Amino acid sequence: MTLSSDEEFDFFAAVAPGPQPTAQPGLVGTPSHLEARASRWAKSDVTFGPVGRVIASILMVLPLLFLLGTGVFTADPFVLIGAVIWSVLMVTGFRHVWQPVKLERR
């Protein structure tokens, strides 16, 4: 199948832009009372409430304190390395525990 030189590059031709939507006067954005709000202290189906978040935070800090205490008193470098690894994992845990929850509109 042989194509002429004009038909050969039609695939790469520029496409003319279609009609652009026009903005209606007076409609700037979403009204402030309809915007979704978020809170770190609210409870949802997949997150803890405020008490659960504080308890989860305390439970994440306790192993770090134990590792630092035993590592310093015994001068064990492996325990101190474990404390550094735990602190990195703890930051990820804090991000998940304290993620904001979208509040429902009323």
Foldseek 3Di string as FASTA:
>chain_A
DDDDPVVVCPVVDDDDDDDDDDDDPPCDDDDPLPDWDWDLQPDDPPADHNVVLVVVLVVLVVVLVVLVVVCVVVVDVVSVVVSVVSVVVSVVVNCVHRPIDTDDRD
